[in-house]
Structure formats: structure tokens, C-alpha cells
């Protein structure tokens, strides 16, 4: 039984939800997000909007896939509600000699030890803000999936070197530093 799915998603003040064109549209103070309902997995659950709550129930309680999608859809809806009210953000930092980042318009430039600068386009709906030093930055937006995907894309540009402990990291990430070869 899904623990995440059995509790309804509460819509806080200023947030509204409606079903239109096989999508659950959630509107709030920060913007509008939609959760698709026309996918194969979303067809396994029923979604009901009752007052200030959105409830998700499996169509067939005995079907394993239906029960699995029950919790997933409830979490997707909960993330959409949280995104339009508070938003999501990922704080990151870089460690290495000469490493730095900069934002120019919708271009994000990284200098991470390659022979060239890595220039990335910031996806629509996301913002990148620089910290106090040029090695710290924060990615923020209303879509949790988009924030996580862009942060992961940046994280993979320069993976952590366990011997020198340099690379691009998430704030709070455990860095495992290995000891080098002994003579």
C-alpha cells in the first residue's frame, strides 16, 4: 500500500488545480505547472479534485503497476503544488585551481580546467544566481524535475576527483577523499 498516495494533496491559499486536456494544471503565485495524465502510467490512477484537496486512487487495487503509480502521481502533484508556492533550488560549488562560473543573460559559463570554457544555455523557467564567490551558484525554478536535470548536467561536466577532491559539487554532498599511492 502506498503511504505517499493515501493522503490527499492539500492546496494552500492562492493555489488552484483543474483538469484540462489530459493534464492536471496547478496555478499559484510563482507560476503554472502541469502534470500529464495521458501517459500509460498515469492512466492507472484516478485523480479527483474536491475543494482544496487533490486525491489520487488506483484504478485496480490488486494491480502492482497501478499501486506503484498511485504514490508516484501523488508525489508529482505534491511537487507541482510546492513548486508554484515556494519553488525549488539546488546550491552548488566548485573546487579547483582557476575554477569559476559566470552568468551572462541566459548563458552560463564554466571554467573548469578544460582548454575551453563550457558555455551552457539556461533552460526556460530556471534562474542561476551567483554566490559571494565565483565558485558558488544556485539553480532555482518552479519545476523540480527541470532544476534537478540542469543541476545534474552541470555536475557531470567535471565529476569529483577522489584523489585531489576537486570538481563540481552539490552543497552538502559528502566528498570522499582517497589517499594517494605511497612510496
Protein backbone atom coordinates (compact mmCIF):
# COMPACT_ATOMS: atom_id res chain seq x y z
CA UNK A 1 0.00 0.00 0.00
CA UNK A 2 1.32 3.44 -0.90
CA UNK A 3 1.98 5.66 2.07
CA UNK A 4 2.59 8.66 -0.18
CA UNK A 5 -0.59 8.15 -2.18
CA UNK A 6 -3.13 7.51 0.55
CA UNK A 7 -3.00 11.09 1.86
CA UNK A 8 -4.63 13.77 -0.30
CA UNK A 9 -2.56 16.70 -1.57
CA UNK A 10 -3.69 19.89 0.13
CA UNK A 11 -3.94 23.05 -1.97
CA UNK A 12 -2.74 26.01 0.08
CA UNK A 13 -4.22 29.52 -0.24
CA UNK A 14 -3.62 31.04 -3.65
CA UNK A 15 -3.19 27.68 -5.40
CA UNK A 16 -5.81 26.19 -7.69
CA UNK A 17 -5.92 22.91 -9.62
CA UNK A 18 -8.01 21.87 -12.62
CA UNK A 19 -8.06 19.05 -15.16
CA UNK A 20 -7.95 20.13 -18.81
CA UNK A 21 -6.72 18.38 -21.99
CA UNK A 22 -5.47 15.28 -20.15
CA UNK A 23 -3.37 17.44 -17.82
CA UNK A 24 -3.70 18.47 -14.22
CA UNK A 25 -2.91 22.20 -14.24
CA UNK A 26 -1.73 23.72 -10.96
CA UNK A 27 -1.66 27.53 -10.75
CA UNK A 28 -0.06 29.51 -7.96
CA UNK A 29 1.75 32.72 -7.10
CA UNK A 30 5.03 31.68 -8.78
CA UNK A 31 3.51 30.37 -12.00
CA UNK A 32 1.74 27.43 -13.57
CA UNK A 33 2.75 23.76 -13.84
CA UNK A 34 1.02 20.83 -15.48
CA UNK A 35 1.15 17.13 -14.64
CA UNK A 36 0.40 14.96 -17.72
CA UNK A 37 -2.43 12.46 -17.30
CA UNK A 38 -2.38 10.92 -20.78
CA UNK A 39 0.69 8.71 -20.29
CA UNK A 40 0.46 4.95 -19.94
CA UNK A 41 1.35 5.09 -16.24
CA UNK A 42 -0.96 7.99 -15.37
CA UNK A 43 -3.90 6.06 -16.85
CA UNK A 44 -3.58 3.56 -13.98
CA UNK A 45 -4.85 6.04 -11.37
CA UNK A 46 -7.92 8.24 -10.82
CA UNK A 47 -7.49 11.87 -9.81
CA UNK A 48 -10.27 13.79 -8.05
CA UNK A 49 -10.29 17.45 -7.06
CA UNK A 50 -12.52 18.03 -4.04
CA UNK A 51 -12.45 21.53 -2.57
CA UNK A 52 -8.89 22.33 -1.52
CA UNK A 53 -7.60 18.76 -1.91
CA UNK A 54 -6.48 16.57 -4.77
CA UNK A 55 -6.82 12.84 -4.11
CA UNK A 56 -5.25 10.02 -6.10
CA UNK A 57 -6.60 6.46 -6.07
CA UNK A 58 -5.50 3.38 -8.03
CA UNK A 59 -7.98 2.10 -10.62
CA UNK A 60 -7.20 -1.52 -9.76
CA UNK A 61 -6.01 -2.02 -6.17
CA UNK A 62 -4.78 -5.54 -6.99
CA UNK A 63 -2.58 -4.48 -9.93
CA UNK A 64 1.09 -3.97 -8.98
CA UNK A 65 1.70 -1.23 -11.58
CA UNK A 66 -1.43 0.65 -10.55
CA UNK A 67 -0.33 0.67 -6.91
CA UNK A 68 3.16 1.82 -7.93
CA UNK A 69 1.81 4.75 -9.93
CA UNK A 70 -0.51 5.70 -7.08
CA UNK A 71 2.34 7.07 -4.95
CA UNK A 72 4.26 8.43 -7.93
CA UNK A 73 1.37 10.53 -9.22
CA UNK A 74 0.61 11.80 -5.72
CA UNK A 75 4.23 12.94 -5.34
CA UNK A 76 4.24 14.54 -8.79
CA UNK A 77 1.15 16.55 -7.86
CA UNK A 78 2.62 17.47 -4.46
CA UNK A 79 5.83 18.66 -6.17
CA UNK A 80 3.79 20.79 -8.58
CA UNK A 81 1.92 22.41 -5.67
CA UNK A 82 5.16 23.06 -3.79
CA UNK A 83 6.81 24.42 -6.94
CA UNK A 84 4.14 27.04 -7.64
CA UNK A 85 4.14 28.17 -3.99
CA UNK A 86 7.79 28.02 -2.85
CA UNK A 87 9.86 26.81 -5.79
CA UNK A 88 12.90 24.54 -5.76
CA UNK A 89 16.62 25.26 -5.71
CA UNK A 90 19.93 23.42 -5.79
CA UNK A 91 23.04 25.06 -4.36
CA UNK A 92 26.34 24.01 -5.94
CA UNK A 93 30.01 24.90 -5.66
CA UNK A 94 33.25 24.19 -7.49
CA UNK A 95 36.66 23.33 -6.09
CA UNK A 96 39.85 23.51 -8.11
CA UNK A 97 42.59 25.87 -9.21
CA UNK A 98 41.18 28.50 -11.56
CA UNK A 99 37.61 27.16 -11.43
CA UNK A 100 34.92 29.82 -11.76
CA UNK A 101 31.45 30.35 -13.14
CA UNK A 102 29.58 33.32 -14.55
CA UNK A 103 26.09 34.16 -15.82
CA UNK A 104 25.58 36.42 -18.82
CA UNK A 105 21.95 36.73 -19.88
CA UNK A 106 20.73 33.16 -20.40
CA UNK A 107 24.25 31.77 -20.88
CA UNK A 108 26.03 30.01 -18.03
CA UNK A 109 29.81 29.82 -18.46
CA UNK A 110 32.04 27.42 -16.54
CA UNK A 111 35.84 27.50 -16.41
CA UNK A 112 36.74 24.06 -15.02
CA UNK A 113 40.22 23.20 -16.25
CA UNK A 114 39.47 22.34 -19.87
CA UNK A 115 41.24 24.02 -22.80
CA UNK A 116 37.96 25.80 -23.49
CA UNK A 117 35.17 27.40 -21.47
CA UNK A 118 31.99 25.37 -21.13
CA UNK A 119 29.03 27.54 -22.18
CA UNK A 120 25.54 26.25 -21.40
CA UNK A 121 22.17 27.76 -22.17
CA UNK A 122 19.98 28.15 -19.10
CA UNK A 123 16.62 26.42 -19.78
CA UNK A 124 13.44 28.50 -19.80
CA UNK A 125 11.86 28.75 -16.36
CA UNK A 126 15.15 28.39 -14.49
CA UNK A 127 17.44 31.01 -12.99
CA UNK A 128 21.07 30.72 -11.98
CA UNK A 129 22.29 33.12 -9.31
CA UNK A 130 25.91 33.52 -8.35
CA UNK A 131 27.02 33.42 -4.73
CA UNK A 132 29.52 35.64 -2.92
CA UNK A 133 32.47 33.97 -4.65
CA UNK A 134 32.65 32.98 -8.35
CA UNK A 135 32.74 29.28 -7.45
CA UNK A 136 29.29 29.15 -5.81
CA UNK A 137 25.95 29.29 -7.59
CA UNK A 138 22.31 28.33 -7.08
CA UNK A 139 19.89 26.92 -9.66
CA UNK A 140 16.25 27.68 -8.93
CA UNK A 141 12.86 27.29 -10.60
CA UNK A 142 9.33 26.02 -10.07
CA UNK A 143 9.75 22.63 -11.78
CA UNK A 144 11.62 20.19 -9.54
CA UNK A 145 12.49 17.89 -12.44
CA UNK A 146 13.94 20.71 -14.58
CA UNK A 147 16.03 22.06 -11.67
CA UNK A 148 17.40 18.60 -10.91
CA UNK A 149 18.17 17.78 -14.56
CA UNK A 150 20.06 21.03 -15.16
CA UNK A 151 21.99 20.64 -11.89
CA UNK A 152 22.91 17.08 -12.84
CA UNK A 153 24.05 18.21 -16.28
CA UNK A 154 26.38 20.74 -14.65
CA UNK A 155 27.53 18.19 -12.06
CA UNK A 156 28.59 15.74 -14.80
CA UNK A 157 30.78 18.30 -16.61
CA UNK A 158 33.55 17.87 -14.07
CA UNK A 159 32.99 14.90 -11.81
CA UNK A 160 34.70 14.77 -8.46
CA UNK A 161 38.29 13.54 -8.46
CA UNK A 162 38.60 11.41 -5.29
CA UNK A 163 42.37 11.89 -5.05
CA UNK A 164 42.54 15.66 -5.43
CA UNK A 165 38.97 16.36 -4.18
CA UNK A 166 38.28 18.83 -6.97
CA UNK A 167 35.32 19.15 -9.30
CA UNK A 168 31.71 20.40 -9.19
CA UNK A 169 29.71 19.52 -6.08
CA UNK A 170 26.26 19.91 -4.57
CA UNK A 171 26.22 21.76 -1.25
CA UNK A 172 26.05 19.17 1.50
CA UNK A 173 27.42 16.38 -0.72
CA UNK A 174 29.82 14.04 1.01
CA UNK A 175 33.22 14.18 -0.65
CA UNK A 176 35.22 11.01 -0.28
CA UNK A 177 38.89 11.83 -0.37
CA UNK A 178 41.17 8.87 -1.13
CA UNK A 179 44.75 8.62 -0.09
CA UNK A 180 47.23 8.53 -2.95
CA UNK A 181 49.84 5.88 -3.71
CA UNK A 182 52.51 5.54 -1.03
CA UNK A 183 56.18 5.06 -1.78
